[in-house]
C-alpha cells in the first residue's frame, strides 16, 4: 500500500482496515498460532504508520500514537495497559460500522 493510495481512504476506512488485521491477529492468537498472529499484527503496524503520516489525521495524532504504543504492548510487550481481546474488538468495531455506513 502506498501513502498516496492510503491517503485517499477516509479515516474510518483506514481504521477499519487496521482493525481487520488486529481481529485476524487476535483470531490466530486464540487458535494458538503465534506465527500467523504475529504476521497479522505486523501487517497492521505499517497501516497504522501510514494513518499516522496522513496529514488529514493530524488532529488525531495523539490518539494514533497512543494506539500504536498500546497495541505494541499488547502483542509484543507485557500488556502493562491491561488490554484485552474484547477491548480491541470494542475499539475497532465502530470504525467498521462507520466505514460501511458512509
C-alpha atoms as a PDB file:
ATOM      1  CA  UNK A   1       0.000   0.000   0.000  1.00  0.00           C
ATOM      2  CA  UNK A   2       1.402   3.370  -0.975  1.00  0.00           C
ATOM      3  CA  UNK A   3       0.903   6.529   1.056  1.00  0.00           C
ATOM      4  CA  UNK A   4      -0.866   8.145  -1.909  1.00  0.00           C
ATOM      5  CA  UNK A   5      -3.400   5.335  -2.157  1.00  0.00           C
ATOM      6  CA  UNK A   6      -3.847   5.136   1.626  1.00  0.00           C
ATOM      7  CA  UNK A   7      -4.475   8.885   1.910  1.00  0.00           C
ATOM      8  CA  UNK A   8      -7.420   8.573  -0.494  1.00  0.00           C
ATOM      9  CA  UNK A   9      -9.244   6.445   2.083  1.00  0.00           C
ATOM     10  CA  UNK A  10     -11.350   8.096   4.752  1.00  0.00           C
ATOM     11  CA  UNK A  11     -10.120   7.960   8.334  1.00  0.00           C
ATOM     12  CA  UNK A  12     -12.884   5.435   9.088  1.00  0.00           C
ATOM     13  CA  UNK A  13     -11.766   3.196   6.210  1.00  0.00           C
ATOM     14  CA  UNK A  14      -8.148   3.416   7.359  1.00  0.00           C
ATOM     15  CA  UNK A  15      -9.049   2.439  10.910  1.00  0.00           C
ATOM     16  CA  UNK A  16     -11.391  -0.330   9.715  1.00  0.00           C
ATOM     17  CA  UNK A  17      -8.537  -1.843   7.693  1.00  0.00           C
ATOM     18  CA  UNK A  18      -6.208  -1.689  10.685  1.00  0.00           C
ATOM     19  CA  UNK A  19      -8.934  -3.222  12.835  1.00  0.00           C
ATOM     20  CA  UNK A  20      -9.362  -6.098  10.391  1.00  0.00           C
ATOM     21  CA  UNK A  21      -5.710  -7.035  10.772  1.00  0.00           C
ATOM     22  CA  UNK A  22      -5.941  -6.724  14.557  1.00  0.00           C
ATOM     23  CA  UNK A  23      -9.010  -9.002  14.539  1.00  0.00           C
ATOM     24  CA  UNK A  24      -7.041 -11.519  12.464  1.00  0.00           C
ATOM     25  CA  UNK A  25      -4.122 -11.329  14.894  1.00  0.00           C
ATOM     26  CA  UNK A  26      -6.462 -11.957  17.820  1.00  0.00           C
ATOM     27  CA  UNK A  27      -8.199 -14.789  15.991  1.00  0.00           C
ATOM     28  CA  UNK A  28      -4.923 -16.547  15.271  1.00  0.00           C
ATOM     29  CA  UNK A  29      -3.783 -15.984  18.843  1.00  0.00           C
ATOM     30  CA  UNK A  30      -6.960 -17.691  20.088  1.00  0.00           C
ATOM     31  CA  UNK A  31      -6.203 -20.607  17.757  1.00  0.00           C
ATOM     32  CA  UNK A  32      -2.733 -20.732  19.335  1.00  0.00           C
ATOM     33  CA  UNK A  33      -0.989 -19.953  16.056  1.00  0.00           C
ATOM     34  CA  UNK A  34       1.585 -17.429  17.269  1.00  0.00           C
ATOM     35  CA  UNK A  35       3.274 -17.105  13.871  1.00  0.00           C
ATOM     36  CA  UNK A  36       0.102 -16.154  11.977  1.00  0.00           C
ATOM     37  CA  UNK A  37      -0.922 -13.851  14.812  1.00  0.00           C
ATOM     38  CA  UNK A  38       2.446 -12.094  14.626  1.00  0.00           C
ATOM     39  CA  UNK A  39       2.205 -11.786  10.832  1.00  0.00           C
ATOM     40  CA  UNK A  40      -1.279 -10.243  11.039  1.00  0.00           C
ATOM     41  CA  UNK A  41      -0.096  -7.762  13.649  1.00  0.00           C
ATOM     42  CA  UNK A  42       2.922  -6.939  11.515  1.00  0.00           C
ATOM     43  CA  UNK A  43       0.547  -6.137   8.633  1.00  0.00           C
ATOM     44  CA  UNK A  44      -1.421  -3.798  10.908  1.00  0.00           C
ATOM     45  CA  UNK A  45       1.604  -1.757  12.021  1.00  0.00           C
ATOM     46  CA  UNK A  46       2.525  -0.304   8.595  1.00  0.00           C
ATOM     47  CA  UNK A  47      -1.137   0.568   8.022  1.00  0.00           C
ATOM     48  CA  UNK A  48      -1.204   2.372  11.350  1.00  0.00           C
ATOM     49  CA  UNK A  49       2.037   4.150  10.436  1.00  0.00           C
ATOM     50  CA  UNK A  50       0.503   5.301   7.139  1.00  0.00           C
ATOM     51  CA  UNK A  51      -2.516   6.595   9.061  1.00  0.00           C
ATOM     52  CA  UNK A  52      -0.205   8.463  11.432  1.00  0.00           C
ATOM     53  CA  UNK A  53       1.637  10.007   8.462  1.00  0.00           C
ATOM     54  CA  UNK A  54      -1.595  11.072   6.718  1.00  0.00           C
ATOM     55  CA  UNK A  55      -1.874  14.854   7.080  1.00  0.00           C
ATOM     56  CA  UNK A  56      -5.675  14.798   7.351  1.00  0.00           C
ATOM     57  CA  UNK A  57      -5.309  12.868  10.619  1.00  0.00           C
ATOM     58  CA  UNK A  58      -3.011  15.395  12.304  1.00  0.00           C
ATOM     59  CA  UNK A  59      -5.671  16.304  14.894  1.00  0.00           C
ATOM     60  CA  UNK A  60      -5.870  12.630  15.853  1.00  0.00           C
ATOM     61  CA  UNK A  61      -2.114  12.186  16.114  1.00  0.00           C
ATOM     62  CA  UNK A  62      -2.070  11.843  19.905  1.00  0.00           C
ATOM     63  CA  UNK A  63      -4.684   9.072  19.854  1.00  0.00           C
ATOM     64  CA  UNK A  64      -2.993   7.276  16.954  1.00  0.00           C
ATOM     65  CA  UNK A  65       0.423   7.325  18.608  1.00  0.00           C
ATOM     66  CA  UNK A  66      -1.056   6.058  21.864  1.00  0.00           C
ATOM     67  CA  UNK A  67      -2.928   3.358  19.921  1.00  0.00           C
ATOM     68  CA  UNK A  68       0.368   2.199  18.387  1.00  0.00           C
ATOM     69  CA  UNK A  69       2.015   2.120  21.807  1.00  0.00           C
ATOM     70  CA  UNK A  70      -0.777   0.151  23.464  1.00  0.00           C
ATOM     71  CA  UNK A  71      -1.127  -2.317  20.572  1.00  0.00           C
ATOM     72  CA  UNK A  72       2.619  -2.984  20.598  1.00  0.00           C
ATOM     73  CA  UNK A  73       2.453  -3.520  24.352  1.00  0.00           C
ATOM     74  CA  UNK A  74      -0.457  -5.936  23.949  1.00  0.00           C
ATOM     75  CA  UNK A  75       1.075  -8.066  21.192  1.00  0.00           C
ATOM     76  CA  UNK A  76       4.809  -7.739  21.942  1.00  0.00           C
ATOM     77  CA  UNK A  77       5.123  -6.404  25.468  1.00  0.00           C
ATOM     78  CA  UNK A  78       3.900  -7.473  28.863  1.00  0.00           C
ATOM     79  CA  UNK A  79       0.438  -5.854  28.473  1.00  0.00           C
ATOM     80  CA  UNK A  80       1.140  -3.085  31.012  1.00  0.00           C
ATOM     81  CA  UNK A  81      -2.057  -1.318  29.934  1.00  0.00           C
ATOM     82  CA  UNK A  82      -4.193  -4.402  30.703  1.00  0.00           C
ATOM     83  CA  UNK A  83      -5.714  -4.568  27.214  1.00  0.00           C
ATOM     84  CA  UNK A  84      -7.929  -7.469  26.192  1.00  0.00           C
ATOM     85  CA  UNK A  85      -9.299  -9.029  23.037  1.00  0.00           C
ATOM     86  CA  UNK A  86     -12.744  -7.614  23.793  1.00  0.00           C
ATOM     87  CA  UNK A  87     -11.313  -4.141  24.358  1.00  0.00           C
ATOM     88  CA  UNK A  88      -9.782  -4.198  20.863  1.00  0.00           C
ATOM     89  CA  UNK A  89     -12.967  -5.524  19.331  1.00  0.00           C
ATOM     90  CA  UNK A  90     -14.961  -2.745  21.008  1.00  0.00           C
ATOM     91  CA  UNK A  91     -12.412  -0.124  19.926  1.00  0.00           C
ATOM     92  CA  UNK A  92     -12.317  -1.073  16.228  1.00  0.00           C
ATOM     93  CA  UNK A  93     -15.925  -2.174  15.666  1.00  0.00           C
ATOM     94  CA  UNK A  94     -17.326   1.388  15.442  1.00  0.00           C
ATOM     95  CA  UNK A  95     -14.808   2.217  12.703  1.00  0.00           C
ATOM     96  CA  UNK A  96     -16.047  -0.754  10.660  1.00  0.00           C
ATOM     97  CA  UNK A  97     -19.631   0.344  11.191  1.00  0.00           C
ATOM     98  CA  UNK A  98     -18.847   3.962  10.241  1.00  0.00           C
ATOM     99  CA  UNK A  99     -16.840   2.955   7.166  1.00  0.00           C
ATOM    100  CA  UNK A 100     -19.734   0.829   5.893  1.00  0.00           C
ATOM    101  CA  UNK A 101     -22.333   3.496   6.682  1.00  0.00           C
ATOM    102  CA  UNK A 102     -20.745   6.260   4.618  1.00  0.00           C
END
